[in-house]
Protein backbone atom coordinates (compact mmCIF):
# COMPACT_ATOMS: atom_id res chain seq x y z
CA MET A 1 2.20 -22.40 -0.09
CA GLY A 2 5.07 -23.08 -1.50
CA SER A 3 4.74 -25.78 -4.11
CA THR A 4 4.24 -24.90 -7.53
CA ASP A 5 1.40 -26.98 -8.77
CA ARG A 6 -1.57 -26.23 -9.49
CA SER A 7 -4.44 -27.52 -6.96
CA SER A 8 -7.21 -28.82 -8.40
CA PRO A 9 -10.43 -27.04 -8.01
CA ALA A 10 -12.04 -29.58 -6.30
CA THR A 11 -10.29 -30.02 -3.38
CA ASP A 12 -8.20 -26.50 -2.92
CA ARG A 13 -10.17 -23.33 -4.40
CA ALA A 14 -12.64 -22.70 -1.65
CA PRO A 15 -12.88 -23.27 1.96
CA ALA A 16 -14.41 -26.80 2.76
CA ASN A 17 -17.87 -26.12 3.71
CA ILE A 18 -18.85 -23.68 0.77
CA GLY A 19 -21.84 -25.05 -0.32
CA LEU A 20 -23.32 -26.42 2.70
CA ALA A 21 -24.91 -23.59 3.81
CA ALA A 22 -28.37 -23.72 5.00
CA ASP A 23 -31.11 -20.70 6.84
CA ASP A 24 -32.33 -22.93 8.94
CA ASP A 25 -35.64 -21.82 11.23
CA LEU A 26 -34.58 -19.03 13.16
CA GLY A 27 -33.32 -17.41 9.63
CA TYR A 28 -29.45 -17.72 10.31
CA ASN A 29 -26.66 -19.97 9.03
CA ARG A 30 -26.16 -22.45 10.52
CA ALA A 31 -22.77 -23.79 8.55
CA MET A 32 -20.79 -20.60 9.99
CA ARG A 33 -19.87 -20.19 13.32
CA THR A 34 -21.61 -17.78 15.15
CA LEU A 35 -19.08 -14.63 17.88
CA HIS A 36 -20.95 -12.12 19.55
CA MET A 37 -19.17 -8.46 20.32
CA ARG A 38 -19.03 -7.68 23.84
CA LYS A 39 -20.03 -4.14 24.98
CA ASN A 40 -21.14 -1.70 22.39
CA TYR A 41 -18.10 -2.44 19.56
CA HIS A 42 -20.42 -3.47 17.00
CA GLU A 43 -21.41 -0.01 16.91
CA ARG A 44 -17.91 0.91 14.62
CA LEU A 45 -18.70 -1.81 12.06
CA LEU A 46 -22.23 -0.53 11.76
CA ARG A 47 -20.58 2.54 11.30
CA GLY A 48 -18.82 1.19 8.25
CA HIS A 49 -15.87 -0.01 9.85
CA LEU A 50 -14.46 -3.42 8.95
CA TRP A 51 -12.03 -4.91 12.01
CA GLY A 52 -12.95 -6.46 14.69
CA TRP A 53 -10.38 -6.56 17.18
CA ARG A 54 -9.58 -9.30 19.56
CA ASN A 55 -10.66 -8.00 22.53
CA ASP A 56 -13.74 -6.75 20.76
CA PHE A 57 -15.13 -10.67 21.31
CA PRO A 58 -15.42 -13.00 24.32
CA PRO A 59 -12.86 -15.04 24.51
CA ASP A 60 -13.78 -18.36 24.74
CA GLU A 61 -15.98 -17.87 21.71
CA LEU A 62 -12.97 -16.82 19.66
CA ARG A 63 -11.01 -19.16 20.51
CA ALA A 64 -13.12 -21.73 19.55
CA CYS A 65 -12.41 -20.63 15.94
CA THR A 66 -10.44 -22.05 12.88
CA PRO A 67 -7.47 -19.47 12.16
CA GLY A 68 -9.01 -17.80 8.53
CA GLU A 69 -12.95 -19.45 10.35
CA ALA A 70 -16.01 -17.97 7.34
CA VAL A 71 -18.09 -16.38 10.56
CA ARG A 72 -21.19 -14.57 11.48
CA VAL A 73 -20.40 -11.39 13.84
CA GLU A 74 -24.05 -10.60 16.48
CA SER A 75 -24.27 -7.67 18.64
CA ARG A 76 -24.03 -8.83 21.95
CA ASP A 77 -27.93 -8.79 22.16
CA GLY A 78 -28.37 -10.40 18.88
CA GLU A 79 -27.89 -8.07 16.42
CA PHE A 80 -26.45 -9.37 12.94
CA VAL A 81 -23.21 -7.13 11.73
CA GLY A 82 -22.35 -9.14 8.85
CA VAL A 83 -20.01 -11.77 7.71
CA GLY A 84 -16.12 -12.46 7.73
CA PHE A 85 -13.15 -14.06 8.90
CA ALA A 86 -12.01 -14.65 12.52
CA ASN A 87 -8.08 -15.30 13.37
CA PRO A 88 -7.75 -15.72 17.14
CA ALA A 89 -4.46 -15.89 16.29
CA SER A 90 -3.80 -12.19 15.15
CA PHE A 91 -4.91 -9.01 17.22
CA ILE A 92 -7.35 -8.51 13.96
CA ALA A 93 -9.18 -10.72 15.19
CA PHE A 94 -12.44 -10.25 12.78
CA ARG A 95 -12.01 -9.01 8.71
CA LEU A 96 -15.80 -8.08 7.66
CA PHE A 97 -16.24 -9.25 3.96
CA HIS A 98 -19.96 -8.57 3.73
CA ARG A 99 -23.11 -7.50 5.31
CA ARG A 100 -25.12 -10.07 4.20
CA ASP A 101 -25.74 -13.12 6.41
CA GLU A 102 -24.41 -15.52 3.12
CA GLU A 103 -21.49 -17.47 3.90
CA PRO A 104 -18.24 -15.95 1.48
CA GLY A 105 -18.00 -18.07 -2.22
CA GLU A 106 -17.19 -17.36 -5.78
CA ASP A 107 -19.51 -14.73 -6.70
CA HIS A 108 -18.91 -12.64 -4.14
CA LEU A 109 -15.28 -12.54 -4.62
CA ARG A 110 -15.61 -11.94 -8.21
CA ARG A 111 -17.91 -9.86 -7.84
CA ARG A 112 -15.51 -7.85 -5.83
CA LEU A 113 -12.79 -8.18 -7.77
CA VAL A 114 -14.88 -6.76 -11.47
CA GLN A 115 -15.73 -3.71 -9.54
CA ALA A 116 -12.15 -2.69 -8.32
CA LEU A 117 -11.00 -3.34 -11.58
CA ALA A 118 -13.54 -1.42 -13.20
CA TRP A 119 -12.67 1.71 -11.05
CA ARG A 120 -8.72 1.00 -12.56
CA ARG A 121 -9.99 0.88 -16.05
CA GLN A 122 -11.76 4.13 -15.34
CA VAL A 123 -8.89 6.56 -14.03
CA ARG A 124 -5.84 4.11 -15.11
CA ALA A 125 -6.87 3.34 -18.63
CA GLY A 126 -4.16 2.60 -21.18
CA ASP A 127 -1.72 3.29 -18.36
CA ALA A 128 0.80 -0.24 -18.25
CA VAL A 129 1.54 0.68 -14.49
CA CYS A 130 -1.42 0.30 -11.47
CA ARG A 131 -2.41 -1.28 -8.56
CA LEU A 132 -5.53 -3.41 -9.66
CA VAL A 133 -6.51 -3.98 -6.08
CA PHE A 134 -5.70 -2.59 -2.82
CA GLY A 135 -7.58 -4.84 0.17
CA GLU A 136 -10.04 -3.72 2.17
CA SER A 137 -10.41 -0.64 0.53
CA ASP A 138 -11.96 -2.86 -2.36
CA GLY A 139 -13.74 -5.43 -0.42
CA LEU A 140 -10.82 -8.17 -0.57
CA PRO A 141 -9.38 -8.27 3.45
CA GLY A 142 -5.57 -8.13 2.29
CA LEU A 143 -5.35 -9.44 -1.15
CA VAL A 144 -2.87 -6.63 -3.06
CA VAL A 145 -2.76 -6.94 -7.11
CA ASP A 146 -0.26 -4.63 -8.52
CA ARG A 147 0.20 -4.24 -12.52
CA TYR A 148 3.94 -4.27 -14.50
CA GLY A 149 2.46 -4.68 -17.86
CA PRO A 150 2.47 -8.04 -19.04
CA VAL A 151 3.19 -9.12 -15.11
CA LEU A 152 0.60 -9.14 -12.61
CA VAL A 153 1.54 -9.54 -8.35
CA MET A 154 -0.71 -11.02 -5.65
CA SER A 155 0.46 -10.14 -1.91
CA GLN A 156 -2.03 -11.87 0.23
CA SER A 157 -1.96 -11.13 3.91
CA VAL A 158 -5.04 -12.37 5.63
CA ARG A 159 -5.51 -16.07 6.63
CA GLY A 160 -9.47 -16.18 5.29
CA LEU A 161 -8.68 -15.32 1.76
CA GLU A 162 -6.00 -17.88 1.74
CA PRO A 163 -7.89 -20.50 0.14
CA TRP A 164 -8.77 -18.26 -2.38
CA THR A 165 -5.71 -18.01 -3.99
CA GLU A 166 -5.30 -20.24 -7.31
CA PHE A 167 -9.67 -19.03 -7.79
CA LEU A 168 -8.22 -15.40 -8.06
CA ALA A 169 -5.74 -15.81 -10.18
CA ASP A 170 -8.15 -17.73 -12.39
CA GLU A 171 -10.44 -14.99 -12.90
CA LEU A 172 -7.00 -12.64 -13.21
CA ALA A 173 -6.37 -14.80 -16.12
CA GLN A 174 -9.45 -14.88 -17.84
CA ALA A 175 -10.08 -10.46 -17.34
CA LEU A 176 -6.77 -9.97 -18.03
CA ALA A 177 -4.69 -12.33 -20.31
CA PRO A 178 -1.20 -11.58 -18.37
CA GLU A 179 2.03 -13.87 -19.41
CA THR A 180 2.58 -13.98 -15.30
CA ILE A 181 1.56 -14.08 -12.64
CA ILE A 182 4.09 -13.77 -9.57
CA LEU A 183 2.57 -14.31 -5.66
CA LYS A 184 4.25 -11.91 -3.79
CA ASN A 185 3.87 -13.11 0.07
CA THR A 186 6.66 -11.69 1.81
CA ASN A 187 4.81 -9.20 3.72
CA LEU A 188 5.45 -9.56 7.18
CA LEU A 189 2.22 -8.92 8.29
CA ARG A 190 1.61 -12.31 7.27
CA ARG A 191 3.28 -13.27 10.35
CA LEU A 192 0.91 -11.60 12.18
CA GLU A 193 -1.93 -13.95 11.19
CA GLY A 194 0.14 -16.79 11.19
CA LEU A 195 0.79 -17.35 7.46
CA PRO A 196 4.18 -18.62 5.94
CA LEU A 197 6.41 -16.20 3.55
CA ALA A 198 6.53 -16.69 0.18
CA THR A 199 6.95 -16.08 -3.39
CA ARG A 200 6.38 -18.44 -6.05
CA VAL A 201 5.12 -17.38 -9.85
CA LEU A 202 1.22 -18.49 -10.03
CA ARG A 203 1.41 -18.59 -14.02
CA GLY A 204 3.64 -18.04 -17.20
CA ARG A 205 7.36 -17.65 -16.51
CA TRP A 206 9.13 -14.93 -15.16
CA ASP A 207 12.88 -14.19 -16.69
CA GLY A 208 13.86 -11.41 -14.91
CA PRO A 209 12.98 -7.30 -14.72
CA VAL A 210 10.31 -6.13 -16.93
CA THR A 211 10.94 -2.68 -17.98
CA VAL A 212 7.37 -1.02 -18.13
CA ASP A 213 6.15 3.21 -19.24
CA TYR A 214 5.22 5.05 -16.27
CA ASP A 215 4.11 7.69 -17.22
CA GLY A 216 6.76 8.40 -19.94
CA VAL A 217 10.01 7.21 -18.02
CA SER A 218 11.36 3.12 -18.92
CA VAL A 219 11.14 1.50 -15.63
CA PRO A 220 13.20 -1.65 -14.95
CA VAL A 221 10.61 -3.63 -12.44
CA ASP A 222 12.41 -6.57 -10.65
CA CYS A 223 8.67 -7.87 -9.84
CA ARG A 224 9.42 -10.70 -8.06
CA ASP A 225 12.38 -10.37 -5.96
CA GLY A 226 12.58 -5.70 -5.87
CA ARG A 227 10.83 -4.74 -2.79
CA LYS A 228 6.91 -4.96 -2.09
CA THR A 229 5.48 -5.89 -5.55
CA GLY A 230 8.59 -3.94 -7.27
CA LEU A 231 7.81 -0.33 -7.25
CA PHE A 232 5.84 2.27 -4.92
CA LEU A 233 2.87 3.14 -6.89
CA ASP A 234 0.99 5.60 -4.07
CA HIS A 235 2.08 8.65 -5.21
CA ARG A 236 1.49 8.99 -8.80
CA GLU A 237 -0.46 12.16 -8.40
CA ASN A 238 1.68 13.66 -6.33
CA ARG A 239 5.19 12.95 -8.64
CA ARG A 240 2.27 14.37 -11.17
CA LEU A 241 1.25 17.26 -9.26
CA LEU A 242 5.06 18.31 -8.40
CA GLY A 243 6.41 17.66 -11.55
CA ARG A 244 3.47 20.87 -13.13
CA MET A 245 5.12 23.28 -10.54
CA LEU A 246 8.38 22.73 -12.22
CA ARG A 247 9.31 25.71 -14.83
CA GLY A 248 12.60 23.42 -16.49
CA GLY A 249 15.84 23.10 -15.45
CA GLU A 250 15.49 22.20 -11.55
CA ARG A 251 18.10 20.53 -9.40
CA VAL A 252 15.84 18.39 -7.48
CA LEU A 253 17.15 16.18 -4.04
CA ASP A 254 15.61 12.99 -3.60
CA LEU A 255 16.12 11.96 -0.32
CA PHE A 256 14.55 7.67 0.83
CA SER A 257 14.38 7.81 -3.60
CA HIS A 258 14.60 3.46 -3.43
CA CYS A 259 14.79 3.58 -7.63
CA GLY A 260 14.63 7.20 -8.03
CA LEU A 261 10.87 7.26 -9.30
CA TRP A 262 10.56 10.52 -8.28
CA SER A 263 13.32 12.20 -9.54
CA LEU A 264 12.66 10.39 -13.34
CA THR A 265 9.81 11.95 -13.46
CA LEU A 266 10.68 15.22 -12.08
CA LEU A 267 13.61 15.14 -15.34
CA ARG A 268 10.52 14.19 -17.59
CA ALA A 269 8.90 16.97 -16.82
CA GLY A 270 11.46 19.29 -17.11
CA ALA A 271 14.02 18.79 -13.95
CA ALA A 272 18.04 19.69 -15.03
CA GLY A 273 19.08 17.24 -13.16
CA ALA A 274 18.73 15.57 -9.66
CA VAL A 275 20.75 12.98 -7.50
CA ALA A 276 19.27 10.68 -5.30
CA VAL A 277 19.64 9.04 -1.82
CA ASP A 278 19.01 5.90 -0.21
CA ASN A 279 20.45 3.47 1.84
CA ASP A 280 19.38 0.14 0.00
CA PRO A 281 21.87 -0.95 -2.40
CA ALA A 282 19.79 -3.21 -4.75
CA ALA A 283 17.32 -0.27 -4.87
CA VAL A 284 20.60 2.02 -6.03
CA ALA A 285 20.91 -0.31 -8.80
CA ALA A 286 17.79 -0.42 -9.76
CA GLY A 287 17.75 3.35 -10.46
CA GLU A 288 20.70 3.52 -11.90
CA THR A 289 19.70 0.44 -14.11
CA ALA A 290 17.17 2.75 -15.16
CA ALA A 291 18.77 6.05 -15.55
CA ALA A 292 20.75 4.79 -18.11
CA VAL A 293 17.48 2.89 -20.27
CA ASN A 294 16.44 6.83 -20.48
CA GLY A 295 20.15 8.59 -21.63
CA TRP A 296 19.80 10.29 -18.40
CA THR A 297 23.27 9.02 -16.33
CA ASP A 298 24.44 12.70 -16.89
CA ARG A 299 21.54 14.12 -15.17
CA LEU A 300 21.03 11.51 -12.41
CA THR A 301 23.20 10.93 -9.64
CA PHE A 302 22.74 8.08 -6.56
CA VAL A 303 23.76 8.01 -3.61
CA THR A 304 23.83 5.05 -1.10
CA ALA A 305 23.82 5.94 1.91
CA ASP A 306 21.63 6.84 5.34
CA VAL A 307 19.50 9.48 4.68
CA ARG A 308 20.44 11.30 8.15
CA ASP A 309 23.99 11.21 7.73
CA PHE A 310 24.09 12.65 4.45
CA LEU A 311 22.52 15.98 5.05
CA THR A 312 24.52 16.04 7.61
CA THR A 313 27.22 16.19 6.81
CA GLY A 314 26.93 16.27 2.70
CA THR A 315 28.49 19.14 0.80
CA LEU A 316 25.58 20.37 -2.11
CA ALA A 317 24.30 23.31 -2.68
CA ASP A 318 20.78 24.80 -2.12
CA ASN A 319 18.22 22.95 -4.31
CA ASP A 320 15.50 24.38 -6.22
CA VAL A 321 13.06 21.10 -5.04
CA VAL A 322 14.15 18.32 -2.13
CA VAL A 323 12.03 15.04 -1.82
CA LEU A 324 11.46 13.72 1.81
CA ASP A 325 9.46 11.01 1.23
CA PRO A 326 10.31 8.63 4.26
CA PRO A 327 9.92 5.04 5.65
CA ALA A 328 6.58 4.78 8.06
CA PHE A 329 7.75 5.68 11.52
CA ALA A 330 4.89 4.78 13.18
CA LYS A 331 3.43 1.21 12.32
CA LYS A 332 2.42 1.25 15.44
CA LYS A 333 -0.11 3.76 17.67
CA ARG A 334 2.68 3.19 20.11
CA TYR A 335 5.63 4.79 18.41
CA LEU A 336 3.48 8.06 17.20
CA LYS A 337 5.14 10.49 19.51
CA ASN A 338 8.71 9.01 18.76
CA ALA A 339 7.73 9.08 14.55
CA LEU A 340 6.39 12.94 14.80
CA ALA A 341 9.82 13.80 16.27
CA THR A 342 11.86 12.16 13.41
CA TYR A 343 10.29 13.50 11.26
CA ARG A 344 10.06 16.54 12.33
CA GLU A 345 14.24 15.98 12.19
CA TYR A 346 14.24 15.21 8.83
CA ASN A 347 11.86 18.00 7.89
CA THR A 348 14.23 20.43 9.55
CA LEU A 349 17.35 19.13 7.72
CA ALA A 350 15.39 18.88 4.41
CA LEU A 351 14.66 22.67 5.16
CA ARG A 352 17.95 24.08 5.62
CA ARG A 353 18.55 22.17 1.33
CA VAL A 354 16.22 24.09 -0.60
CA ARG A 355 17.17 27.46 -1.81
CA ALA A 356 14.33 30.07 -1.21
CA GLY A 357 11.86 30.30 -3.48
CA GLY A 358 12.67 26.18 -3.91
CA LEU A 359 9.81 23.60 -3.48
CA LEU A 360 9.50 20.54 -0.87
CA ALA A 361 7.66 18.06 -1.14
CA THR A 362 7.24 15.74 2.13
CA SER A 363 5.41 13.01 2.59
CA SER A 364 4.36 10.48 5.88
CA CYS A 365 2.99 6.38 4.81
CA SER A 366 2.30 6.24 8.88
CA SER A 367 -1.76 5.72 8.59
CA PHE A 368 -1.05 7.13 12.52
CA VAL A 369 -0.24 10.70 11.41
CA ARG A 370 -3.17 13.14 10.66
CA PRO A 371 -2.63 15.82 7.29
CA ASP A 372 -2.37 18.25 11.25
CA MET A 373 0.20 17.02 12.19
CA LEU A 374 2.29 16.29 9.49
CA GLN A 375 1.48 20.09 8.46
CA LYS A 376 2.42 21.66 12.86
CA LEU A 377 5.80 19.40 12.15
CA VAL A 378 6.67 21.84 8.75
CA GLN A 379 6.24 24.41 10.12
CA ASP A 380 7.75 23.63 13.41
CA ALA A 381 10.92 22.64 11.50
CA ALA A 382 10.65 25.87 9.59
CA LEU A 383 10.26 28.35 12.56
CA ASP A 384 12.74 26.29 13.75
CA LEU A 385 14.77 27.52 11.31
CA GLY A 386 13.79 31.00 10.73
CA ARG A 387 12.23 30.06 6.96
CA THR A 388 9.35 31.56 6.14
CA LEU A 389 6.62 28.44 3.99
CA GLN A 390 3.48 28.57 1.77
CA TRP A 391 1.46 25.47 1.31
CA VAL A 392 0.63 25.22 -2.00
CA ALA A 393 -0.47 21.79 -2.51
CA GLN A 394 -2.04 18.50 -0.48
CA GLY A 395 -2.05 15.10 -2.04
CA ALA A 396 -2.98 11.47 -0.79
CA GLN A 397 -2.63 8.33 -2.29
CA ALA A 398 -2.67 7.20 -5.86
CA LEU A 399 -6.68 7.37 -7.35
CA ASP A 400 -5.78 3.31 -7.99
CA HIS A 401 -5.49 3.54 -3.75
CA PRO A 402 -8.93 4.28 -2.58
CA VAL A 403 -10.08 5.30 0.97
CA LEU A 404 -12.99 3.79 3.10
CA PRO A 405 -13.94 7.70 4.93
CA ALA A 406 -15.10 4.61 7.85
CA MET A 407 -11.80 3.59 8.09
CA PRO A 408 -8.97 6.06 8.28
CA GLU A 409 -6.67 2.79 7.95
CA THR A 410 -6.73 2.77 4.31
CA HIS A 411 -5.96 6.47 4.22
CA TYR A 412 -1.98 6.32 4.82
CA LEU A 413 -0.58 8.49 2.86
CA LYS A 414 -0.65 12.08 3.25
CA CYS A 415 1.74 14.42 0.64
CA MET A 416 1.99 18.87 1.47
CA VAL A 417 4.53 20.97 -1.41
CA TYR A 418 5.73 24.26 0.49
CA ARG A 419 6.93 26.94 -1.46
CA VAL A 420 10.46 28.17 0.72
CA LEU A 421 9.90 32.39 0.50
CA ASP A 422 13.35 33.15 2.84
C-alpha cells in the first residue's frame, strides 16, 4: 500500500478468487469457505447487525481463514446468514457485506457506491464539502470518503476491501472527476486489522491546503497531513441549528475547538466574537489561518491550552454561548463509567461559563454514550451548580453520516442544546 505506482487491473484490482465461484449441487458457493456461528449468535446478524465477534465462531474454523477472505456464514444448524469478510486477527472477526449467496465483486461495490453518492446529491447538492461514503452505513465496510472541493480523501480500515482500493478510486474518479484523490490510511483501526498505516496520492497531485466553502465560511484544509481527512464534518446540521438560535452579537466560547469550525460558522451566523480553545498547536494554527482568510482575526481568538486547565484557571467573563465538543472518552465499553464521570466534570466546568439566558451546546462522539446518559450527566452537573436548564434541542450526526437502526455503533454522535435560566 505504500507504493505510488498504480497496479494493473489484471493483478491488483480484485481478490484472486473473483470469478471462480460456481454453485454446486448443494446450492451454495464452493469458492468461498463457510463459517458457522456458535449458539444463536447468528440472530443478531439476521436482525440487521453487520459484525460477528471472534467468540461467535468456532476457533478452528476462524483460524483457517486468511485475513480479509470472503466467506459465507451460516448458523450452527446450517441456515444461511450472509457473505462478508473474515479476519481472525481482529476482534470483529466477520463483517457482513450482503445477504446473497454470491462472492463480493465489482458490480456489488459499484452499486453500493452509486447508492451512497445518490444520497449525497440529494442532501448535499451544491455543497463543496461533504462525506460521500460512511463505511458500514453505506454498505462499504470501513471505507470513508470525504470531499473537499476538487479533492477527495479516501480512508480504508477493513482488510476485506483493501484489494479494491484502486477499483474504488477509479469509480470515484469517473463519477466525480476530482482533481486529486488522496488515500489517507492513518486510522488506528487498521492496526487492529493487521494493516499498515500510510498516506499517498492516488490520483492527480497535492500542492498543499485547499480552501473550500463550508456553509459560507472559507476554510483552508490540509487533506494530507491534517487530522482525520482534514475537518470534522459530522456536526454540520448541529452547527446550523445552533446558528439559527443566535440573535446577533453573542460571545462564544468554543472548547475542544480543533480548527474552530464551530466558532467560524457561529461568527458567520451573527456572533460578535469567539474564543476557541484546543491543545493541538497545528489545529490552532489552521484555525488562525481560517480566521485571517475570512477577515475575522479581530473577532476570533485562539488559545492553545488544555481545556480542563483553561476552564479551571481561565479568567474570561461569562459567555452567551458555550460549545463543548470533546473527543470520545469511551472508545471501548469498559471505559464507559470513567468516561461518564469525565463528561460530567467537563459539563460542570462549561456550565460555569454560561451566563443566565445563555446556551450550552454539548456533545459526545462515543457510541457507548446514549442520549439519555448525556442528558442525565448534564442535568446532574446543573444540579451540582444550582442552575436550572431548559433542554431546547437535540441533534445527531450529519445527514451525510447515516445511521443503521440495527447497528448502534453507527449512531455515535449526540448533541444537546440547553438554555441556562439562572
